[in-house]
Amino acid sequence: MQTTTIESIARTAGDILSHAWKAVYDEEKDELTEMFKKFGDRAYGAWIQQFMAPVAERLTADGFIIRGGFNLKDSIENWGPPEERERCVWYVVKTAEGEEVGTLVLQVYHSHRSFFMPRAPRLLALEVTDREAIIAALSDASTRIRWDLREERMPQPQLQSFPSQRFEYATDTSIGDGLKPAADGQLYSWNLDDALGHWGRYGWELVFVVPAGGKVIAYFKRPLND
């Protein structure tokens, strides 16, 4: 007998999700928009509650146990600008016998400015089922940023305006090399001046630096010319 994996469950659930979220959005858009004006992000909770119902129904029909809908405590929202905020909602999947198979994670991208989804929601699969382990996995960017999964972007609302100034960004993980003491134990600024000078020559501006994994990561930006 072939063992069902959380990855295969995610693929099945994802097929249902790809139709359900848009159907609910099209049918309930006006009502949810008004709800957003009155109650803010609660409108997204109501939206998730509805489109996850057919996903849970399908998995239940396949013999799995899953708590559908939307439970705020089983979610986390830490990423993205207000216009494209990412919330991850998780659902532990069990067999009919109560054995935990894994966890489905729903990625929902939403605006805090208006009722709008800049990207279509999608489902990820995690092997872990413990709350702390799930949060730890989601805190690793490589778990959520998936180049192997399709990304569907929605057209921006016509009434939504953004500043005309645009920037491009880049990083340098070698800046810390210029902060190491020389043979005499002293720190000399010219090593760092040299590294930063190469960036400044091409119009890059140092935004901030962050220590990580024994290195110093520098973040640069410069105006993006059309």
C-alpha atoms as a PDB file:
ATOM      1  CA  MET A   1       0.000   0.000   0.000  1.00  0.00           C
ATOM      2  CA  GLN A   2       1.420   3.353  -1.053  1.00  0.00           C
ATOM      3  CA  THR A   3       1.910   5.855   1.773  1.00  0.00           C
ATOM      4  CA  THR A   4       0.306   9.246   1.222  1.00  0.00           C
ATOM      5  CA  THR A   5       2.727  12.112   1.827  1.00  0.00           C
ATOM      6  CA  ILE A   6       1.941  15.652   2.916  1.00  0.00           C
ATOM      7  CA  GLU A   7       3.375  16.806  -0.424  1.00  0.00           C
ATOM      8  CA  SER A   8       0.782  14.813  -2.388  1.00  0.00           C
ATOM      9  CA  ILE A   9      -1.973  16.059  -0.068  1.00  0.00           C
ATOM     10  CA  ALA A  10      -0.805  19.631  -0.689  1.00  0.00           C
ATOM     11  CA  ARG A  11      -1.029  19.114  -4.446  1.00  0.00           C
ATOM     12  CA  THR A  12      -4.594  17.814  -4.182  1.00  0.00           C
ATOM     13  CA  ALA A  13      -5.601  20.601  -1.810  1.00  0.00           C
ATOM     14  CA  GLY A  14      -3.876  23.168  -4.021  1.00  0.00           C
ATOM     15  CA  ASP A  15      -5.981  22.168  -7.025  1.00  0.00           C
ATOM     16  CA  ILE A  16      -9.152  22.812  -4.998  1.00  0.00           C
ATOM     17  CA  LEU A  17      -7.768  26.066  -3.592  1.00  0.00           C
ATOM     18  CA  SER A  18      -6.869  27.479  -7.011  1.00  0.00           C
ATOM     19  CA  HIS A  19     -10.569  27.563  -7.941  1.00  0.00           C
ATOM     20  CA  ALA A  20     -12.190  28.111  -4.546  1.00  0.00           C
ATOM     21  CA  TRP A  21     -10.449  31.322  -3.479  1.00  0.00           C
ATOM     22  CA  LYS A  22     -11.314  33.179  -6.704  1.00  0.00           C
ATOM     23  CA  ALA A  23     -14.901  31.904  -6.748  1.00  0.00           C
ATOM     24  CA  VAL A  24     -15.517  33.205  -3.229  1.00  0.00           C
ATOM     25  CA  TYR A  25     -13.783  36.484  -4.050  1.00  0.00           C
ATOM     26  CA  ASP A  26     -15.909  37.075  -7.153  1.00  0.00           C
ATOM     27  CA  GLU A  27     -19.163  36.182  -5.388  1.00  0.00           C
ATOM     28  CA  GLU A  28     -18.526  37.991  -2.098  1.00  0.00           C
ATOM     29  CA  LYS A  29     -16.304  40.886  -3.193  1.00  0.00           C
ATOM     30  CA  ASP A  30     -18.781  43.684  -2.503  1.00  0.00           C
ATOM     31  CA  GLU A  31     -19.818  42.300   0.885  1.00  0.00           C
ATOM     32  CA  LEU A  32     -16.214  41.631   1.928  1.00  0.00           C
ATOM     33  CA  THR A  33     -15.142  45.099   0.763  1.00  0.00           C
ATOM     34  CA  GLU A  34     -17.786  46.692   2.974  1.00  0.00           C
ATOM     35  CA  MET A  35     -16.742  44.437   5.832  1.00  0.00           C
ATOM     36  CA  PHE A  36     -13.145  45.574   5.395  1.00  0.00           C
ATOM     37  CA  LYS A  37     -14.187  49.229   5.605  1.00  0.00           C
ATOM     38  CA  LYS A  38     -15.914  48.543   8.933  1.00  0.00           C
ATOM     39  CA  PHE A  39     -13.727  45.878  10.536  1.00  0.00           C
ATOM     40  CA  GLY A  40     -10.422  45.840   8.655  1.00  0.00           C
ATOM     41  CA  ASP A  41      -8.562  42.528   8.400  1.00  0.00           C
ATOM     42  CA  ARG A  42     -11.497  40.527   9.755  1.00  0.00           C
ATOM     43  CA  ALA A  43     -12.761  40.535   6.173  1.00  0.00           C
ATOM     44  CA  TYR A  44      -9.806  38.384   5.118  1.00  0.00           C
ATOM     45  CA  GLY A  45     -10.576  35.931   7.912  1.00  0.00           C
ATOM     46  CA  ALA A  46     -14.147  35.605   6.605  1.00  0.00           C
ATOM     47  CA  TRP A  47     -12.812  35.107   3.077  1.00  0.00           C
ATOM     48  CA  ILE A  48     -10.386  32.374   4.177  1.00  0.00           C
ATOM     49  CA  GLN A  49     -13.128  30.712   6.222  1.00  0.00           C
ATOM     50  CA  GLN A  50     -15.227  30.316   3.090  1.00  0.00           C
ATOM     51  CA  PHE A  51     -12.684  29.230   0.499  1.00  0.00           C
ATOM     52  CA  MET A  52     -10.936  26.739   2.784  1.00  0.00           C
ATOM     53  CA  ALA A  53     -14.235  24.903   3.391  1.00  0.00           C
ATOM     54  CA  PRO A  54     -14.179  22.957   0.075  1.00  0.00           C
ATOM     55  CA  VAL A  55     -10.482  22.153   0.638  1.00  0.00           C
ATOM     56  CA  ALA A  56     -11.276  20.596   4.018  1.00  0.00           C
ATOM     57  CA  GLU A  57     -14.303  18.789   2.565  1.00  0.00           C
ATOM     58  CA  ARG A  58     -12.166  17.190  -0.155  1.00  0.00           C
ATOM     59  CA  LEU A  59      -9.515  16.002   2.301  1.00  0.00           C
ATOM     60  CA  THR A  60     -12.202  14.679   4.644  1.00  0.00           C
ATOM     61  CA  ALA A  61     -13.697  12.734   1.738  1.00  0.00           C
ATOM     62  CA  ASP A  62     -10.230  11.294   1.092  1.00  0.00           C
ATOM     63  CA  GLY A  63     -10.151   9.986   4.654  1.00  0.00           C
ATOM     64  CA  PHE A  64      -8.089  12.662   6.399  1.00  0.00           C
ATOM     65  CA  ILE A  65      -8.830  14.745   9.467  1.00  0.00           C
ATOM     66  CA  ILE A  66      -8.253  18.483   9.141  1.00  0.00           C
ATOM     67  CA  ARG A  67      -9.553  21.488  10.990  1.00  0.00           C
ATOM     68  CA  GLY A  68     -10.765  23.771   8.205  1.00  0.00           C
ATOM     69  CA  GLY A  69     -11.763  27.409   8.210  1.00  0.00           C
ATOM     70  CA  PHE A  70      -9.564  30.049   9.817  1.00  0.00           C
ATOM     71  CA  ASN A  71      -8.150  30.057  13.339  1.00  0.00           C
ATOM     72  CA  LEU A  72      -6.169  33.221  14.104  1.00  0.00           C
ATOM     73  CA  LYS A  73      -4.079  31.398  16.727  1.00  0.00           C
ATOM     74  CA  ASP A  74      -2.894  28.947  14.068  1.00  0.00           C
ATOM     75  CA  SER A  75      -1.391  31.691  11.942  1.00  0.00           C
ATOM     76  CA  ILE A  76       1.395  34.229  11.865  1.00  0.00           C
ATOM     77  CA  GLU A  77       1.849  37.492   9.954  1.00  0.00           C
ATOM     78  CA  ASN A  78       5.366  38.933   9.934  1.00  0.00           C
ATOM     79  CA  TRP A  79       6.302  39.756   6.361  1.00  0.00           C
ATOM     80  CA  GLY A  80       5.839  42.307   3.606  1.00  0.00           C
ATOM     81  CA  PRO A  81       4.757  45.937   3.163  1.00  0.00           C
ATOM     82  CA  PRO A  82       1.205  47.055   4.108  1.00  0.00           C
ATOM     83  CA  GLU A  83       0.111  46.737   0.475  1.00  0.00           C
ATOM     84  CA  GLU A  84       1.303  43.116   0.248  1.00  0.00           C
ATOM     85  CA  ARG A  85       1.299  41.617   3.727  1.00  0.00           C
ATOM     86  CA  GLU A  86       1.860  37.864   4.018  1.00  0.00           C
ATOM     87  CA  ARG A  87      -0.010  35.759   6.574  1.00  0.00           C
ATOM     88  CA  CYS A  88       0.660  32.040   6.936  1.00  0.00           C
ATOM     89  CA  VAL A  89      -2.152  29.856   8.295  1.00  0.00           C
ATOM     90  CA  TRP A  90      -1.436  26.228   9.145  1.00  0.00           C
ATOM     91  CA  TYR A  91      -3.556  23.086   9.198  1.00  0.00           C
ATOM     92  CA  VAL A  92      -2.281  19.859  10.739  1.00  0.00           C
ATOM     93  CA  VAL A  93      -3.428  16.849   8.688  1.00  0.00           C
ATOM     94  CA  LYS A  94      -4.126  13.501  10.347  1.00  0.00           C
ATOM     95  CA  THR A  95      -5.157  10.081   9.112  1.00  0.00           C
ATOM     96  CA  ALA A  96      -8.529   8.609  10.109  1.00  0.00           C
ATOM     97  CA  GLU A  97      -6.652   6.798  12.894  1.00  0.00           C
ATOM     98  CA  GLY A  98      -5.347  10.096  14.271  1.00  0.00           C
ATOM     99  CA  GLU A  99      -1.764   9.759  13.033  1.00  0.00           C
ATOM    100  CA  GLU A 100      -0.248  13.104  12.046  1.00  0.00           C
ATOM    101  CA  VAL A 101       0.816  13.179   8.393  1.00  0.00           C
ATOM    102  CA  GLY A 102       2.152  16.735   8.247  1.00  0.00           C
ATOM    103  CA  THR A 103       1.031  20.332   8.009  1.00  0.00           C
ATOM    104  CA  LEU A 104      -0.500  22.373   5.203  1.00  0.00           C
ATOM    105  CA  VAL A 105       0.455  26.050   5.245  1.00  0.00           C
ATOM    106  CA  LEU A 106      -1.759  28.578   3.489  1.00  0.00           C
ATOM    107  CA  GLN A 107       0.058  31.674   2.251  1.00  0.00           C
ATOM    108  CA  VAL A 108      -2.294  34.645   1.971  1.00  0.00           C
ATOM    109  CA  TYR A 109      -1.053  37.939   0.551  1.00  0.00           C
ATOM    110  CA  HIS A 110      -3.313  40.887   1.332  1.00  0.00           C
ATOM    111  CA  SER A 111      -3.430  44.666   1.505  1.00  0.00           C
ATOM    112  CA  HIS A 112      -3.986  46.637   4.698  1.00  0.00           C
ATOM    113  CA  ARG A 113      -4.997  49.669   2.606  1.00  0.00           C
ATOM    114  CA  SER A 114      -8.049  48.164   0.932  1.00  0.00           C
ATOM    115  CA  PHE A 115      -9.672  44.766   0.389  1.00  0.00           C
ATOM    116  CA  PHE A 116      -7.280  43.462  -2.225  1.00  0.00           C
ATOM    117  CA  MET A 117      -5.100  40.388  -2.811  1.00  0.00           C
ATOM    118  CA  PRO A 118      -1.911  41.255  -4.743  1.00  0.00           C
ATOM    119  CA  ARG A 119      -1.056  37.552  -5.130  1.00  0.00           C
ATOM    120  CA  ALA A 120      -3.165  34.426  -5.283  1.00  0.00           C
ATOM    121  CA  PRO A 121      -3.014  32.315  -2.100  1.00  0.00           C
ATOM    122  CA  ARG A 122      -1.192  28.996  -2.251  1.00  0.00           C
ATOM    123  CA  LEU A 123      -0.480  25.954  -0.088  1.00  0.00           C
ATOM    124  CA  LEU A 124       2.862  24.659   1.166  1.00  0.00           C
ATOM    125  CA  ALA A 125       3.655  21.323   2.817  1.00  0.00           C
ATOM    126  CA  LEU A 126       5.612  20.887   6.047  1.00  0.00           C
ATOM    127  CA  GLU A 127       6.673  17.597   7.608  1.00  0.00           C
ATOM    128  CA  VAL A 128       6.546  19.056  11.137  1.00  0.00           C
ATOM    129  CA  THR A 129       3.297  19.340  13.116  1.00  0.00           C
ATOM    130  CA  ASP A 130       4.351  20.911  16.421  1.00  0.00           C
ATOM    131  CA  ARG A 131       3.429  24.599  16.765  1.00  0.00           C
ATOM    132  CA  GLU A 132       6.933  25.745  17.703  1.00  0.00           C
ATOM    133  CA  ALA A 133       8.457  23.711  14.886  1.00  0.00           C
ATOM    134  CA  ILE A 134       5.964  25.149  12.390  1.00  0.00           C
ATOM    135  CA  ILE A 135       6.761  28.721  13.433  1.00  0.00           C
ATOM    136  CA  ALA A 136      10.488  27.966  13.287  1.00  0.00           C
ATOM    137  CA  ALA A 137      10.117  26.584   9.761  1.00  0.00           C
ATOM    138  CA  LEU A 138       8.119  29.612   8.599  1.00  0.00           C
ATOM    139  CA  SER A 139      10.713  31.920  10.138  1.00  0.00           C
ATOM    140  CA  ASP A 140      13.183  30.516   7.607  1.00  0.00           C
ATOM    141  CA  ALA A 141      12.653  32.540   4.427  1.00  0.00           C
ATOM    142  CA  SER A 142      13.545  29.565   2.212  1.00  0.00           C
ATOM    143  CA  THR A 143      10.417  27.780   3.478  1.00  0.00           C
ATOM    144  CA  ARG A 144       8.093  30.523   2.251  1.00  0.00           C
ATOM    145  CA  ILE A 145       9.960  31.854  -0.785  1.00  0.00           C
ATOM    146  CA  ARG A 146       9.478  29.004  -3.217  1.00  0.00           C
ATOM    147  CA  TRP A 147      10.852  29.405  -6.716  1.00  0.00           C
ATOM    148  CA  ASP A 148       9.472  25.970  -7.638  1.00  0.00           C
ATOM    149  CA  LEU A 149       5.857  27.029  -7.074  1.00  0.00           C
ATOM    150  CA  ARG A 150       3.765  29.112  -9.423  1.00  0.00           C
ATOM    151  CA  GLU A 151       3.175  32.720  -8.429  1.00  0.00           C
ATOM    152  CA  GLU A 152       0.011  34.387  -9.711  1.00  0.00           C
ATOM    153  CA  ARG A 153      -0.149  38.170  -9.359  1.00  0.00           C
ATOM    154  CA  MET A 154      -3.390  40.141  -9.488  1.00  0.00           C
ATOM    155  CA  PRO A 155      -3.771  43.408 -11.460  1.00  0.00           C
ATOM    156  CA  GLN A 156      -3.344  46.411  -9.194  1.00  0.00           C
ATOM    157  CA  PRO A 157      -6.531  48.429  -8.500  1.00  0.00           C
ATOM    158  CA  GLN A 158      -6.814  51.455 -10.795  1.00  0.00           C
ATOM    159  CA  LEU A 159      -7.390  53.850  -7.915  1.00  0.00           C
ATOM    160  CA  GLN A 160      -4.290  52.702  -6.077  1.00  0.00           C
ATOM    161  CA  SER A 161      -1.337  55.046  -6.582  1.00  0.00           C
ATOM    162  CA  PHE A 162       2.284  54.620  -5.627  1.00  0.00           C
ATOM    163  CA  PRO A 163       5.246  57.026  -5.511  1.00  0.00           C
ATOM    164  CA  SER A 164       6.963  57.409  -8.860  1.00  0.00           C
ATOM    165  CA  GLN A 165      10.403  56.983  -7.248  1.00  0.00           C
ATOM    166  CA  ARG A 166      11.639  53.400  -7.564  1.00  0.00           C
ATOM    167  CA  PHE A 167      14.788  51.747  -6.247  1.00  0.00           C
ATOM    168  CA  GLU A 168      16.863  48.672  -6.885  1.00  0.00           C
ATOM    169  CA  TYR A 169      18.593  46.817  -4.048  1.00  0.00           C
ATOM    170  CA  ALA A 170      21.698  44.708  -3.588  1.00  0.00           C
ATOM    171  CA  THR A 171      23.687  43.103  -0.765  1.00  0.00           C
ATOM    172  CA  ASP A 172      27.336  42.546   0.080  1.00  0.00           C
ATOM    173  CA  THR A 173      28.380  39.832   2.543  1.00  0.00           C
ATOM    174  CA  SER A 174      32.078  40.811   2.613  1.00  0.00           C
ATOM    175  CA  ILE A 175      31.833  44.184   4.380  1.00  0.00           C
ATOM    176  CA  GLY A 176      32.855  42.565   7.648  1.00  0.00           C
ATOM    177  CA  ASP A 177      36.243  41.699   6.143  1.00  0.00           C
ATOM    178  CA  GLY A 178      37.187  45.377   6.433  1.00  0.00           C
ATOM    179  CA  LEU A 179      36.366  45.386  10.146  1.00  0.00           C
ATOM    180  CA  LYS A 180      38.912  42.754  11.167  1.00  0.00           C
ATOM    181  CA  PRO A 181      41.978  43.901  13.161  1.00  0.00           C
ATOM    182  CA  ALA A 182      45.275  44.133  11.313  1.00  0.00           C
ATOM    183  CA  ALA A 183      48.408  42.288  12.420  1.00  0.00           C
ATOM    184  CA  ASP A 184      49.089  44.995  15.021  1.00  0.00           C
ATOM    185  CA  GLY A 185      45.615  44.541  16.505  1.00  0.00           C
ATOM    186  CA  GLN A 186      44.337  47.896  15.236  1.00  0.00           C
ATOM    187  CA  LEU A 187      41.272  48.605  13.100  1.00  0.00           C
ATOM    188  CA  TYR A 188      41.976  50.761  10.055  1.00  0.00           C
ATOM    189  CA  SER A 189      39.228  52.548   8.166  1.00  0.00           C
ATOM    190  CA  TRP A 190      40.828  52.381   4.726  1.00  0.00           C
ATOM    191  CA  ASN A 191      39.823  48.730   4.263  1.00  0.00           C
ATOM    192  CA  LEU A 192      36.196  49.640   4.772  1.00  0.00           C
ATOM    193  CA  ASP A 193      36.590  52.848   2.756  1.00  0.00           C
ATOM    194  CA  ASP A 194      37.867  50.808  -0.162  1.00  0.00           C
ATOM    195  CA  ALA A 195      34.940  48.360  -0.059  1.00  0.00           C
ATOM    196  CA  LEU A 196      32.310  51.097   0.233  1.00  0.00           C
ATOM    197  CA  GLY A 197      34.048  53.201  -2.391  1.00  0.00           C
ATOM    198  CA  HIS A 198      33.435  50.564  -5.055  1.00  0.00           C
ATOM    199  CA  TRP A 199      29.703  50.713  -4.339  1.00  0.00           C
ATOM    200  CA  GLY A 200      29.583  54.507  -4.186  1.00  0.00           C
ATOM    201  CA  ARG A 201      31.314  54.783  -7.560  1.00  0.00           C
ATOM    202  CA  TYR A 202      28.209  53.318  -9.179  1.00  0.00           C
ATOM    203  CA  GLY A 203      25.678  55.360  -7.233  1.00  0.00           C
ATOM    204  CA  TRP A 204      24.804  52.816  -4.530  1.00  0.00           C
ATOM    205  CA  GLU A 205      23.817  54.136  -1.101  1.00  0.00           C
ATOM    206  CA  LEU A 206      24.438  52.099   2.065  1.00  0.00           C
ATOM    207  CA  VAL A 207      21.075  51.615   3.818  1.00  0.00           C
ATOM    208  CA  PHE A 208      22.015  49.510   6.842  1.00  0.00           C
ATOM    209  CA  VAL A 209      24.144  46.583   7.991  1.00  0.00           C
ATOM    210  CA  VAL A 210      23.133  43.411   9.828  1.00  0.00           C
ATOM    211  CA  PRO A 211      25.359  40.834  11.524  1.00  0.00           C
ATOM    212  CA  ALA A 212      24.406  37.276  10.555  1.00  0.00           C
ATOM    213  CA  GLY A 213      26.196  33.950  10.842  1.00  0.00           C
ATOM    214  CA  GLY A 214      29.533  35.489  11.733  1.00  0.00           C
ATOM    215  CA  LYS A 215      29.416  37.893   8.776  1.00  0.00           C
ATOM    216  CA  VAL A 216      28.226  41.463   8.303  1.00  0.00           C
ATOM    217  CA  ILE A 217      25.652  41.863   5.545  1.00  0.00           C
ATOM    218  CA  ALA A 218      25.412  45.329   3.990  1.00  0.00           C
ATOM    219  CA  TYR A 219      22.266  46.447   2.157  1.00  0.00           C
ATOM    220  CA  PHE A 220      22.508  49.046  -0.613  1.00  0.00           C
ATOM    221  CA  LYS A 221      19.979  50.868  -2.764  1.00  0.00           C
ATOM    222  CA  ARG A 222      20.032  53.328  -5.643  1.00  0.00           C
ATOM    223  CA  PRO A 223      17.329  55.049  -7.721  1.00  0.00           C
ATOM    224  CA  LEU A 224      16.094  52.965 -10.620  1.00  0.00           C
ATOM    225  CA  ASN A 225      16.167  55.002 -13.802  1.00  0.00           C
ATOM    226  CA  ASP A 226      13.562  54.252 -16.484  1.00  0.00           C
END
